[in-house]
């Protein structure tokens, strides 16, 4: 396999992991958090169910943490080595718009990586040292206005990175090749961003 073919294969894997399993996990995680909008007990029940799944440690390591590390580290490499062509050509549909989306995808990826690392420390690592993964744990974090703002920014950046990544995924894997299909997918990804962001922000506000 040539260096070019190897790079293309790695980028396809990077794109795939961003949708499956990480995108699926993101939506599932936000839906569990959204149960807090119903009641403290509803969230504790949902979180407890997820925490007590069989082989949960192995599931988290191989389905969440390893994919996140690969996707995040390689994504940061792309962010700092990519050539940005703002205002230039390079895409079949609305080149200036897509070039800006490409830039924002890299910026949001860096923000998301930092946010996820801190969120894992504040939750999973603390649970490892004896804290309970419950409503009160999240309340104690986001009751601080600075952490609340950080979480809102982190959620929006992460969801944007996922939603816009869907557009790139569809091209990378050959599903959308025409200008029309790419335009439609842009609308779909924007709708995903708005809906999932609303769910995520509403969920985090429920912990206050």
N, C-alpha and C. Protein backbone atom coordinates (compact mmCIF):
# COMPACT_ATOMS: atom_id res chain seq x y z
N UNK A 1 0.85 -1.21 0.00
CA UNK A 1 0.00 0.00 0.00
C UNK A 1 0.88 1.25 0.00
N UNK A 2 0.62 2.18 -0.92
CA UNK A 2 1.40 3.41 -0.99
C UNK A 2 1.09 4.32 0.19
N UNK A 3 1.96 5.31 0.38
CA UNK A 3 1.76 6.27 1.46
C UNK A 3 0.44 7.02 1.28
N UNK A 4 0.11 7.34 0.02
CA UNK A 4 -1.15 8.05 -0.26
C UNK A 4 -2.36 7.17 0.06
N UNK A 5 -2.28 5.90 -0.35
CA UNK A 5 -3.38 4.98 -0.07
C UNK A 5 -3.54 4.76 1.43
N UNK A 6 -2.40 4.66 2.14
CA UNK A 6 -2.43 4.47 3.59
C UNK A 6 -3.07 5.66 4.28
N UNK A 7 -2.71 6.87 3.85
CA UNK A 7 -3.28 8.10 4.43
C UNK A 7 -4.78 8.15 4.18
N UNK A 8 -5.22 7.77 2.98
CA UNK A 8 -6.64 7.78 2.65
C UNK A 8 -7.40 6.78 3.53
N UNK A 9 -6.81 5.59 3.74
CA UNK A 9 -7.45 4.57 4.57
C UNK A 9 -7.58 5.05 6.01
N UNK A 10 -6.54 5.71 6.52
CA UNK A 10 -6.58 6.22 7.90
C UNK A 10 -7.64 7.30 8.03
N UNK A 11 -7.74 8.16 7.03
CA UNK A 11 -8.76 9.22 7.07
C UNK A 11 -10.17 8.65 7.00
N UNK A 12 -10.35 7.58 6.24
CA UNK A 12 -11.66 6.93 6.18
C UNK A 12 -12.00 6.31 7.53
N UNK A 13 -11.01 5.67 8.18
CA UNK A 13 -11.24 5.10 9.50
C UNK A 13 -11.55 6.21 10.51
N UNK A 14 -10.82 7.30 10.42
CA UNK A 14 -11.05 8.46 11.30
C UNK A 14 -12.47 8.97 11.13
N UNK A 15 -12.92 9.07 9.88
CA UNK A 15 -14.28 9.54 9.60
C UNK A 15 -15.32 8.56 10.12
N UNK A 16 -15.09 7.26 9.90
CA UNK A 16 -16.03 6.24 10.35
C UNK A 16 -16.19 6.24 11.86
N UNK A 17 -15.08 6.31 12.58
CA UNK A 17 -15.14 6.29 14.04
C UNK A 17 -15.86 7.52 14.59
N UNK A 18 -15.79 8.63 13.86
CA UNK A 18 -16.49 9.83 14.31
C UNK A 18 -18.00 9.68 14.29
N UNK A 19 -18.48 8.77 13.44
CA UNK A 19 -19.93 8.52 13.36
C UNK A 19 -20.31 7.27 14.13
N UNK A 20 -19.56 6.18 13.90
CA UNK A 20 -19.79 4.91 14.59
C UNK A 20 -18.45 4.46 15.15
N UNK A 21 -18.28 4.41 16.45
CA UNK A 21 -19.32 4.46 17.48
C UNK A 21 -19.50 5.82 18.15
N UNK A 22 -18.61 6.79 17.88
CA UNK A 22 -18.60 8.00 18.71
C UNK A 22 -19.85 8.85 18.55
N UNK A 23 -20.34 9.01 17.32
CA UNK A 23 -21.55 9.78 17.12
C UNK A 23 -22.75 9.14 17.78
N UNK A 24 -22.84 7.82 17.65
CA UNK A 24 -23.94 7.09 18.30
C UNK A 24 -23.86 7.24 19.81
N UNK A 25 -22.65 7.13 20.36
CA UNK A 25 -22.47 7.29 21.81
C UNK A 25 -22.83 8.71 22.25
N UNK A 26 -22.44 9.71 21.46
CA UNK A 26 -22.76 11.10 21.81
C UNK A 26 -24.25 11.29 21.97
N UNK A 27 -25.02 10.83 21.00
CA UNK A 27 -26.48 10.99 21.06
C UNK A 27 -27.05 10.22 22.24
N UNK A 28 -26.60 8.98 22.44
CA UNK A 28 -27.07 8.18 23.57
C UNK A 28 -26.75 8.86 24.90
N UNK A 29 -25.53 9.41 25.00
CA UNK A 29 -25.10 10.06 26.24
C UNK A 29 -25.95 11.30 26.53
N UNK A 30 -26.23 12.09 25.50
CA UNK A 30 -27.03 13.29 25.70
C UNK A 30 -28.48 12.94 26.03
N UNK A 31 -28.99 11.85 25.48
CA UNK A 31 -30.35 11.43 25.81
C UNK A 31 -30.45 10.96 27.25
N UNK A 32 -29.41 10.25 27.72
CA UNK A 32 -29.39 9.86 29.14
C UNK A 32 -29.37 11.11 30.01
N UNK A 33 -28.52 12.07 29.66
CA UNK A 33 -28.46 13.31 30.43
C UNK A 33 -29.78 14.07 30.37
N UNK A 34 -30.46 13.97 29.23
CA UNK A 34 -31.71 14.70 29.07
C UNK A 34 -32.80 14.18 30.00
N UNK A 35 -32.63 12.96 30.49
CA UNK A 35 -33.60 12.43 31.46
C UNK A 35 -33.63 13.28 32.72
N UNK A 36 -32.58 14.08 32.95
CA UNK A 36 -32.56 14.98 34.10
C UNK A 36 -33.62 16.06 34.00
N UNK A 37 -34.12 16.32 32.79
CA UNK A 37 -35.18 17.32 32.65
C UNK A 37 -36.49 16.83 33.24
N UNK A 38 -36.61 15.50 33.38
CA UNK A 38 -37.82 14.95 33.98
C UNK A 38 -37.75 14.98 35.50
N UNK A 39 -36.62 14.52 36.03
CA UNK A 39 -36.44 14.55 37.49
C UNK A 39 -35.05 14.05 37.82
N UNK A 40 -34.63 14.34 39.04
CA UNK A 40 -33.35 13.83 39.53
C UNK A 40 -33.35 12.31 39.56
N UNK A 41 -34.46 11.73 39.98
CA UNK A 41 -34.57 10.27 40.07
C UNK A 41 -34.50 9.63 38.69
N UNK A 42 -35.10 10.28 37.69
CA UNK A 42 -35.08 9.73 36.33
C UNK A 42 -33.65 9.66 35.81
N UNK A 43 -32.86 10.70 36.07
CA UNK A 43 -31.47 10.67 35.62
C UNK A 43 -30.68 9.61 36.37
N UNK A 44 -30.84 9.53 37.68
CA UNK A 44 -30.10 8.55 38.46
C UNK A 44 -30.42 7.12 37.99
N UNK A 45 -31.67 6.89 37.64
CA UNK A 45 -32.06 5.57 37.14
C UNK A 45 -31.41 5.27 35.80
N UNK A 46 -31.45 6.24 34.89
CA UNK A 46 -30.86 6.05 33.56
C UNK A 46 -29.34 5.88 33.65
N UNK A 47 -28.70 6.73 34.45
CA UNK A 47 -27.25 6.65 34.59
C UNK A 47 -26.85 5.35 35.28
N UNK A 48 -27.63 4.94 36.26
CA UNK A 48 -27.35 3.69 36.96
C UNK A 48 -27.47 2.49 36.04
N UNK A 49 -28.46 2.52 35.16
CA UNK A 49 -28.63 1.42 34.21
C UNK A 49 -27.41 1.31 33.29
N UNK A 50 -26.94 2.45 32.76
CA UNK A 50 -25.78 2.43 31.87
C UNK A 50 -24.52 2.00 32.61
N UNK A 51 -24.38 2.43 33.86
CA UNK A 51 -23.18 2.10 34.63
C UNK A 51 -23.12 0.63 35.01
N UNK A 52 -24.27 -0.04 35.04
CA UNK A 52 -24.33 -1.43 35.47
C UNK A 52 -24.49 -2.42 34.32
N UNK A 53 -24.26 -1.96 33.09
CA UNK A 53 -24.29 -2.87 31.96
C UNK A 53 -23.19 -3.93 32.11
N UNK A 54 -23.42 -5.15 31.64
CA UNK A 54 -22.38 -6.19 31.71
C UNK A 54 -21.12 -5.77 30.95
N UNK A 55 -19.97 -6.02 31.56
CA UNK A 55 -18.68 -5.71 30.94
C UNK A 55 -18.56 -4.23 30.56
N UNK A 56 -19.12 -3.35 31.40
CA UNK A 56 -19.17 -1.94 31.06
C UNK A 56 -17.77 -1.34 30.90
N UNK A 57 -16.81 -1.79 31.69
CA UNK A 57 -15.45 -1.26 31.59
C UNK A 57 -14.86 -1.57 30.22
N UNK A 58 -15.02 -2.81 29.76
CA UNK A 58 -14.48 -3.19 28.46
C UNK A 58 -15.22 -2.47 27.33
N UNK A 59 -16.53 -2.29 27.49
CA UNK A 59 -17.30 -1.56 26.49
C UNK A 59 -16.81 -0.11 26.38
N UNK A 60 -16.57 0.51 27.52
CA UNK A 60 -16.12 1.89 27.53
C UNK A 60 -14.73 2.02 26.91
N UNK A 61 -13.84 1.09 27.23
CA UNK A 61 -12.47 1.16 26.72
C UNK A 61 -12.42 0.99 25.21
N UNK A 62 -13.10 -0.06 24.71
CA UNK A 62 -12.96 -0.41 23.29
C UNK A 62 -13.96 0.29 22.38
N UNK A 63 -15.08 0.75 22.93
CA UNK A 63 -16.08 1.41 22.09
C UNK A 63 -16.05 2.92 22.24
N UNK A 64 -15.51 3.40 23.37
CA UNK A 64 -15.51 4.85 23.61
C UNK A 64 -14.09 5.41 23.68
N UNK A 65 -13.31 4.98 24.67
CA UNK A 65 -12.04 5.65 24.95
C UNK A 65 -11.00 5.47 23.85
N UNK A 66 -10.79 4.25 23.36
CA UNK A 66 -9.80 4.04 22.31
C UNK A 66 -10.21 4.77 21.03
N UNK A 67 -11.48 4.65 20.57
CA UNK A 67 -11.89 5.43 19.39
C UNK A 67 -11.75 6.94 19.60
N UNK A 68 -12.07 7.44 20.80
CA UNK A 68 -11.95 8.87 21.06
C UNK A 68 -10.50 9.31 20.97
N UNK A 69 -9.59 8.52 21.55
CA UNK A 69 -8.17 8.88 21.51
C UNK A 69 -7.66 8.90 20.08
N UNK A 70 -8.00 7.87 19.31
CA UNK A 70 -7.54 7.84 17.92
C UNK A 70 -8.14 8.99 17.12
N UNK A 71 -9.46 9.14 17.21
CA UNK A 71 -10.15 10.18 16.45
C UNK A 71 -9.66 11.56 16.89
N UNK A 72 -9.49 11.76 18.19
CA UNK A 72 -9.08 13.06 18.70
C UNK A 72 -7.65 13.42 18.35
N UNK A 73 -6.73 12.50 18.58
CA UNK A 73 -5.31 12.78 18.33
C UNK A 73 -5.05 12.96 16.83
N UNK A 74 -5.63 12.07 16.02
CA UNK A 74 -5.44 12.22 14.57
C UNK A 74 -6.15 13.47 14.06
N UNK A 75 -7.29 13.78 14.67
CA UNK A 75 -8.01 14.99 14.28
C UNK A 75 -7.22 16.25 14.59
N UNK A 76 -6.53 16.27 15.73
CA UNK A 76 -5.69 17.42 16.07
C UNK A 76 -4.52 17.53 15.09
N UNK A 77 -3.97 16.38 14.70
CA UNK A 77 -2.91 16.38 13.68
C UNK A 77 -3.42 17.01 12.39
N UNK A 78 -4.63 16.63 11.97
CA UNK A 78 -5.22 17.20 10.76
C UNK A 78 -5.43 18.70 10.92
N UNK A 79 -5.92 19.09 12.11
CA UNK A 79 -6.23 20.50 12.36
C UNK A 79 -5.00 21.38 12.21
N UNK A 80 -3.85 20.88 12.63
CA UNK A 80 -2.64 21.71 12.62
C UNK A 80 -1.78 21.51 11.38
N UNK A 81 -2.17 20.60 10.50
CA UNK A 81 -1.40 20.38 9.27
C UNK A 81 -2.21 20.68 8.02
N UNK A 82 -3.53 20.84 8.17
CA UNK A 82 -4.38 21.08 7.01
C UNK A 82 -4.13 22.46 6.42
N UNK A 83 -4.35 22.58 5.12
CA UNK A 83 -4.25 23.86 4.44
C UNK A 83 -5.67 24.42 4.28
N UNK A 84 -5.87 25.60 4.81
CA UNK A 84 -7.20 26.21 4.78
C UNK A 84 -7.30 27.16 3.58
N UNK A 85 -8.40 27.03 2.85
CA UNK A 85 -8.57 27.74 1.60
C UNK A 85 -9.81 28.63 1.66
N UNK A 86 -9.84 29.48 2.68
CA UNK A 86 -11.01 30.34 2.87
C UNK A 86 -11.17 31.29 1.68
N UNK A 87 -12.34 31.22 1.07
CA UNK A 87 -12.63 32.08 -0.07
C UNK A 87 -12.22 31.49 -1.40
N UNK A 88 -11.51 30.35 -1.35
CA UNK A 88 -11.06 29.74 -2.59
C UNK A 88 -11.97 28.61 -3.01
N UNK A 89 -11.53 27.88 -4.05
CA UNK A 89 -12.32 26.78 -4.56
C UNK A 89 -11.80 25.47 -4.00
N UNK A 90 -12.62 24.43 -4.12
CA UNK A 90 -12.17 23.14 -3.64
C UNK A 90 -13.30 22.18 -3.39
N UNK A 91 -14.54 22.67 -3.43
CA UNK A 91 -15.69 21.81 -3.25
C UNK A 91 -16.67 22.03 -4.40
N UNK A 92 -17.46 21.02 -4.66
CA UNK A 92 -18.39 21.10 -5.76
C UNK A 92 -19.54 22.05 -5.51
N UNK A 93 -19.91 22.26 -4.25
CA UNK A 93 -21.07 23.10 -3.95
C UNK A 93 -20.71 24.16 -2.92
N UNK A 94 -20.94 25.39 -3.26
CA UNK A 94 -20.77 26.51 -2.35
C UNK A 94 -19.41 26.44 -1.66
N UNK A 95 -18.36 26.64 -2.46
CA UNK A 95 -17.00 26.40 -1.97
C UNK A 95 -16.62 27.26 -0.77
N UNK A 96 -16.99 28.55 -0.79
CA UNK A 96 -16.62 29.42 0.33
C UNK A 96 -17.26 28.95 1.63
N UNK A 97 -18.55 28.62 1.57
CA UNK A 97 -19.26 28.12 2.75
C UNK A 97 -18.61 26.86 3.28
N UNK A 98 -18.30 25.89 2.39
CA UNK A 98 -17.73 24.64 2.84
C UNK A 98 -16.32 24.82 3.37
N UNK A 99 -15.56 25.76 2.82
CA UNK A 99 -14.22 26.01 3.34
C UNK A 99 -14.28 26.56 4.76
N UNK A 100 -15.27 27.42 5.02
CA UNK A 100 -15.46 27.91 6.39
C UNK A 100 -15.89 26.76 7.31
N UNK A 101 -16.74 25.88 6.81
CA UNK A 101 -17.15 24.74 7.61
C UNK A 101 -15.97 23.81 7.92
N UNK A 102 -15.06 23.69 6.95
CA UNK A 102 -13.85 22.89 7.15
C UNK A 102 -13.01 23.47 8.28
N UNK A 103 -12.84 24.80 8.28
CA UNK A 103 -12.08 25.47 9.34
C UNK A 103 -12.76 25.29 10.69
N UNK A 104 -14.08 25.53 10.73
CA UNK A 104 -14.82 25.39 11.98
C UNK A 104 -14.81 23.94 12.48
N UNK A 105 -14.77 22.98 11.55
CA UNK A 105 -14.71 21.58 11.94
C UNK A 105 -13.43 21.30 12.73
N UNK A 106 -12.32 21.87 12.29
CA UNK A 106 -11.04 21.66 12.98
C UNK A 106 -11.02 22.38 14.32
N UNK A 107 -11.53 23.61 14.37
CA UNK A 107 -11.56 24.37 15.63
C UNK A 107 -12.46 23.66 16.64
N UNK A 108 -13.65 23.26 16.21
CA UNK A 108 -14.59 22.58 17.11
C UNK A 108 -14.03 21.25 17.58
N UNK A 109 -13.24 20.58 16.72
CA UNK A 109 -12.64 19.31 17.12
C UNK A 109 -11.65 19.48 18.26
N UNK A 110 -10.84 20.54 18.21
CA UNK A 110 -9.89 20.81 19.29
C UNK A 110 -10.64 21.13 20.59
N UNK A 111 -11.67 21.98 20.48
CA UNK A 111 -12.47 22.33 21.66
C UNK A 111 -13.13 21.07 22.24
N UNK A 112 -13.70 20.25 21.36
CA UNK A 112 -14.38 19.02 21.80
C UNK A 112 -13.42 18.08 22.51
N UNK A 113 -12.21 17.95 21.98
CA UNK A 113 -11.22 17.05 22.59
C UNK A 113 -10.87 17.50 24.01
N UNK A 114 -10.66 18.81 24.18
CA UNK A 114 -10.35 19.35 25.51
C UNK A 114 -11.55 19.18 26.44
N UNK A 115 -12.75 19.48 25.93
CA UNK A 115 -13.97 19.36 26.73
C UNK A 115 -14.19 17.92 27.19
N UNK A 116 -14.06 16.98 26.28
CA UNK A 116 -14.28 15.57 26.63
C UNK A 116 -13.27 15.10 27.67
N UNK A 117 -12.00 15.51 27.51
CA UNK A 117 -10.96 15.11 28.47
C UNK A 117 -11.31 15.61 29.87
N UNK A 118 -11.74 16.86 29.97
CA UNK A 118 -12.09 17.42 31.28
C UNK A 118 -13.35 16.77 31.82
N UNK A 119 -14.33 16.54 30.95
CA UNK A 119 -15.58 15.91 31.37
C UNK A 119 -15.34 14.50 31.90
N UNK A 120 -14.48 13.75 31.22
CA UNK A 120 -14.15 12.39 31.68
C UNK A 120 -13.47 12.46 33.05
N UNK A 121 -12.56 13.41 33.22
CA UNK A 121 -11.90 13.55 34.52
C UNK A 121 -12.90 13.89 35.62
N UNK A 122 -13.81 14.81 35.33
CA UNK A 122 -14.76 15.26 36.35
C UNK A 122 -15.82 14.23 36.67
N UNK A 123 -15.99 13.25 35.81
CA UNK A 123 -17.04 12.25 36.04
C UNK A 123 -16.44 10.85 36.22
N UNK A 124 -15.97 10.24 35.14
CA UNK A 124 -15.53 8.85 35.21
C UNK A 124 -14.34 8.66 36.14
N UNK A 125 -13.36 9.57 36.09
CA UNK A 125 -12.19 9.43 36.96
C UNK A 125 -12.59 9.61 38.42
N UNK A 126 -13.48 10.56 38.67
CA UNK A 126 -13.94 10.78 40.04
C UNK A 126 -14.72 9.58 40.55
N UNK A 127 -15.49 8.95 39.68
CA UNK A 127 -16.22 7.73 40.06
C UNK A 127 -15.24 6.62 40.40
N UNK A 128 -14.15 6.52 39.66
CA UNK A 128 -13.13 5.51 39.92
C UNK A 128 -12.56 5.67 41.33
N UNK A 129 -12.49 6.92 41.80
CA UNK A 129 -11.96 7.18 43.14
C UNK A 129 -13.05 7.25 44.20
N UNK A 130 -14.25 6.77 43.88
CA UNK A 130 -15.27 6.60 44.90
C UNK A 130 -16.48 7.50 44.82
N UNK A 131 -16.49 8.47 43.90
CA UNK A 131 -17.66 9.34 43.78
C UNK A 131 -18.82 8.59 43.13
N UNK A 132 -20.03 9.02 43.42
CA UNK A 132 -21.22 8.42 42.82
C UNK A 132 -21.56 9.15 41.52
N UNK A 133 -21.80 8.37 40.46
CA UNK A 133 -22.20 8.97 39.19
C UNK A 133 -23.70 9.21 39.23
N UNK A 134 -24.07 10.36 39.78
CA UNK A 134 -25.48 10.67 39.95
C UNK A 134 -25.75 12.13 39.65
N UNK A 135 -26.99 12.54 39.83
CA UNK A 135 -27.41 13.91 39.55
C UNK A 135 -26.57 14.91 40.33
N UNK A 136 -26.31 14.61 41.59
CA UNK A 136 -25.59 15.56 42.45
C UNK A 136 -24.17 15.81 41.96
N UNK A 137 -23.53 14.80 41.38
CA UNK A 137 -22.17 14.99 40.87
C UNK A 137 -22.15 16.05 39.78
N UNK A 138 -23.08 15.97 38.83
CA UNK A 138 -23.14 16.96 37.77
C UNK A 138 -23.60 18.31 38.29
N UNK A 139 -24.52 18.30 39.26
CA UNK A 139 -25.00 19.55 39.85
C UNK A 139 -23.85 20.33 40.48
N UNK A 140 -23.00 19.63 41.20
CA UNK A 140 -21.88 20.29 41.86
C UNK A 140 -20.91 20.91 40.86
N UNK A 141 -20.86 20.38 39.66
CA UNK A 141 -19.97 20.93 38.63
C UNK A 141 -20.59 22.16 37.99
N UNK A 142 -21.80 22.02 37.45
CA UNK A 142 -22.37 23.09 36.63
C UNK A 142 -23.07 24.17 37.44
N UNK A 143 -23.19 24.00 38.74
CA UNK A 143 -23.74 25.08 39.55
C UNK A 143 -22.78 26.26 39.56
N UNK A 144 -21.50 25.98 39.26
CA UNK A 144 -20.51 27.04 39.08
C UNK A 144 -20.73 27.67 37.70
N UNK A 145 -21.01 28.97 37.62
CA UNK A 145 -21.33 29.60 36.34
C UNK A 145 -20.24 29.43 35.28
N UNK A 146 -18.98 29.45 35.70
CA UNK A 146 -17.89 29.29 34.73
C UNK A 146 -17.88 27.90 34.12
N UNK A 147 -18.12 26.88 34.97
CA UNK A 147 -18.18 25.52 34.44
C UNK A 147 -19.42 25.33 33.56
N UNK A 148 -20.50 26.00 33.93
CA UNK A 148 -21.71 25.90 33.12
C UNK A 148 -21.47 26.44 31.71
N UNK A 149 -20.85 27.61 31.63
CA UNK A 149 -20.54 28.20 30.33
C UNK A 149 -19.59 27.28 29.55
N UNK A 150 -18.60 26.74 30.25
CA UNK A 150 -17.64 25.83 29.60
C UNK A 150 -18.37 24.61 29.04
N UNK A 151 -19.30 24.05 29.81
CA UNK A 151 -20.04 22.88 29.35
C UNK A 151 -20.94 23.20 28.16
N UNK A 152 -21.59 24.35 28.19
CA UNK A 152 -22.45 24.72 27.06
C UNK A 152 -21.63 24.88 25.79
N UNK A 153 -20.49 25.58 25.90
CA UNK A 153 -19.61 25.74 24.74
C UNK A 153 -19.10 24.38 24.27
N UNK A 154 -18.70 23.54 25.22
CA UNK A 154 -18.18 22.22 24.88
C UNK A 154 -19.22 21.35 24.20
N UNK A 155 -20.45 21.39 24.69
CA UNK A 155 -21.53 20.59 24.08
C UNK A 155 -21.81 21.06 22.67
N UNK A 156 -21.94 22.37 22.48
CA UNK A 156 -22.25 22.90 21.15
C UNK A 156 -21.12 22.59 20.17
N UNK A 157 -19.87 22.74 20.62
CA UNK A 157 -18.72 22.45 19.75
C UNK A 157 -18.68 20.97 19.38
N UNK A 158 -18.94 20.11 20.36
CA UNK A 158 -18.91 18.66 20.10
C UNK A 158 -20.02 18.25 19.14
N UNK A 159 -21.22 18.78 19.36
CA UNK A 159 -22.34 18.44 18.48
C UNK A 159 -22.10 18.99 17.07
N UNK A 160 -21.58 20.21 16.97
CA UNK A 160 -21.27 20.75 15.65
C UNK A 160 -20.25 19.86 14.93
N UNK A 161 -19.21 19.46 15.66
CA UNK A 161 -18.17 18.61 15.07
C UNK A 161 -18.76 17.31 14.55
N UNK A 162 -19.69 16.74 15.30
CA UNK A 162 -20.34 15.51 14.86
C UNK A 162 -21.25 15.76 13.67
N UNK A 163 -22.11 16.79 13.76
CA UNK A 163 -23.09 17.05 12.70
C UNK A 163 -22.41 17.41 11.38
N UNK A 164 -21.44 18.31 11.44
CA UNK A 164 -20.73 18.67 10.22
C UNK A 164 -19.88 17.51 9.72
N UNK A 165 -19.40 16.69 10.67
CA UNK A 165 -18.63 15.51 10.29
C UNK A 165 -19.46 14.51 9.51
N UNK A 166 -20.78 14.50 9.73
CA UNK A 166 -21.65 13.64 8.94
C UNK A 166 -21.57 13.98 7.46
N UNK A 167 -21.50 15.28 7.17
CA UNK A 167 -21.40 15.72 5.78
C UNK A 167 -20.12 15.19 5.14
N UNK A 168 -19.00 15.34 5.86
CA UNK A 168 -17.72 14.84 5.34
C UNK A 168 -17.72 13.32 5.24
N UNK A 169 -18.35 12.67 6.20
CA UNK A 169 -18.42 11.20 6.19
C UNK A 169 -19.14 10.70 4.94
N UNK A 170 -20.22 11.35 4.59
CA UNK A 170 -21.00 10.90 3.43
C UNK A 170 -20.21 11.05 2.13
N UNK A 171 -19.34 12.06 2.08
CA UNK A 171 -18.49 12.23 0.89
C UNK A 171 -17.34 11.23 0.92
N UNK A 172 -16.67 11.14 2.07
CA UNK A 172 -15.51 10.26 2.21
C UNK A 172 -15.84 8.83 1.85
N UNK A 173 -17.05 8.39 2.24
CA UNK A 173 -17.45 7.01 1.98
C UNK A 173 -18.26 6.86 0.69
N UNK A 174 -18.33 7.92 -0.10
CA UNK A 174 -18.89 7.82 -1.44
C UNK A 174 -20.40 7.84 -1.53
N UNK A 175 -21.10 8.28 -0.49
CA UNK A 175 -22.55 8.29 -0.52
C UNK A 175 -23.11 9.53 -1.21
N UNK A 176 -22.42 10.65 -1.09
CA UNK A 176 -22.88 11.89 -1.71
C UNK A 176 -21.78 12.42 -2.62
N UNK A 177 -21.97 12.27 -3.92
CA UNK A 177 -20.96 12.71 -4.89
C UNK A 177 -21.42 13.90 -5.71
N UNK A 178 -22.71 14.04 -5.92
CA UNK A 178 -23.22 15.14 -6.74
C UNK A 178 -23.38 16.41 -5.90
N UNK A 179 -23.41 17.56 -6.58
CA UNK A 179 -23.63 18.83 -5.89
C UNK A 179 -24.96 18.83 -5.14
N UNK A 180 -25.99 18.28 -5.77
CA UNK A 180 -27.31 18.27 -5.16
C UNK A 180 -27.33 17.44 -3.88
N UNK A 181 -26.74 16.26 -3.92
CA UNK A 181 -26.72 15.40 -2.73
C UNK A 181 -25.92 16.03 -1.61
N UNK A 182 -24.84 16.73 -1.95
CA UNK A 182 -24.03 17.41 -0.93
C UNK A 182 -24.80 18.58 -0.32
N UNK A 183 -25.59 19.28 -1.16
CA UNK A 183 -26.39 20.39 -0.66
C UNK A 183 -27.46 19.87 0.31
N UNK A 184 -28.11 18.78 -0.07
CA UNK A 184 -29.14 18.20 0.79
C UNK A 184 -28.53 17.74 2.11
N UNK A 185 -27.36 17.12 2.04
CA UNK A 185 -26.70 16.63 3.25
C UNK A 185 -26.29 17.78 4.15
N UNK A 186 -25.97 18.92 3.55
CA UNK A 186 -25.66 20.11 4.36
C UNK A 186 -26.86 20.54 5.20
N UNK A 187 -28.04 20.49 4.59
CA UNK A 187 -29.26 20.83 5.32
C UNK A 187 -29.54 19.80 6.43
N UNK A 188 -29.29 18.53 6.10
CA UNK A 188 -29.51 17.47 7.09
C UNK A 188 -28.57 17.65 8.27
N UNK A 189 -27.29 17.90 8.00
CA UNK A 189 -26.32 18.05 9.07
C UNK A 189 -26.63 19.28 9.93
N UNK A 190 -27.12 20.34 9.30
CA UNK A 190 -27.50 21.54 10.07
C UNK A 190 -28.69 21.24 10.97
N UNK A 191 -29.66 20.47 10.47
CA UNK A 191 -30.81 20.10 11.28
C UNK A 191 -30.38 19.24 12.47
N UNK A 192 -29.46 18.30 12.22
CA UNK A 192 -28.94 17.46 13.29
C UNK A 192 -28.26 18.32 14.35
N UNK A 193 -27.47 19.30 13.89
CA UNK A 193 -26.78 20.20 14.82
C UNK A 193 -27.77 20.95 15.71
N UNK A 194 -28.81 21.51 15.12
CA UNK A 194 -29.78 22.30 15.89
C UNK A 194 -30.52 21.42 16.89
N UNK A 195 -31.03 20.27 16.44
CA UNK A 195 -31.83 19.40 17.31
C UNK A 195 -30.99 18.82 18.45
N UNK A 196 -29.83 18.27 18.12
CA UNK A 196 -29.01 17.62 19.15
C UNK A 196 -28.41 18.65 20.10
N UNK A 197 -28.05 19.83 19.59
CA UNK A 197 -27.57 20.90 20.48
C UNK A 197 -28.63 21.31 21.48
N UNK A 198 -29.87 21.42 21.00
CA UNK A 198 -30.97 21.78 21.89
C UNK A 198 -31.12 20.74 23.00
N UNK A 199 -31.05 19.47 22.63
CA UNK A 199 -31.16 18.40 23.62
C UNK A 199 -30.02 18.49 24.63
N UNK A 200 -28.81 18.71 24.13
CA UNK A 200 -27.65 18.76 25.01
C UNK A 200 -27.66 19.94 25.96
N UNK A 201 -27.99 21.11 25.45
CA UNK A 201 -28.01 22.32 26.30
C UNK A 201 -29.15 22.24 27.30
N UNK A 202 -30.31 21.80 26.85
CA UNK A 202 -31.44 21.64 27.76
C UNK A 202 -31.10 20.66 28.88
N UNK A 203 -30.37 19.61 28.53
CA UNK A 203 -29.98 18.60 29.53
C UNK A 203 -29.05 19.19 30.57
N UNK A 204 -28.03 19.93 30.14
CA UNK A 204 -27.06 20.45 31.11
C UNK A 204 -27.69 21.50 32.01
N UNK A 205 -28.63 22.27 31.47
CA UNK A 205 -29.33 23.27 32.30
C UNK A 205 -30.20 22.63 33.36
N UNK A 206 -30.62 21.37 33.12
CA UNK A 206 -31.46 20.67 34.08
C UNK A 206 -30.71 20.31 35.36
N UNK A 207 -29.37 20.33 35.30
CA UNK A 207 -28.58 19.97 36.47
C UNK A 207 -28.33 21.14 37.43
N UNK A 208 -28.75 22.33 37.03
CA UNK A 208 -28.52 23.50 37.89
C UNK A 208 -29.42 23.44 39.12
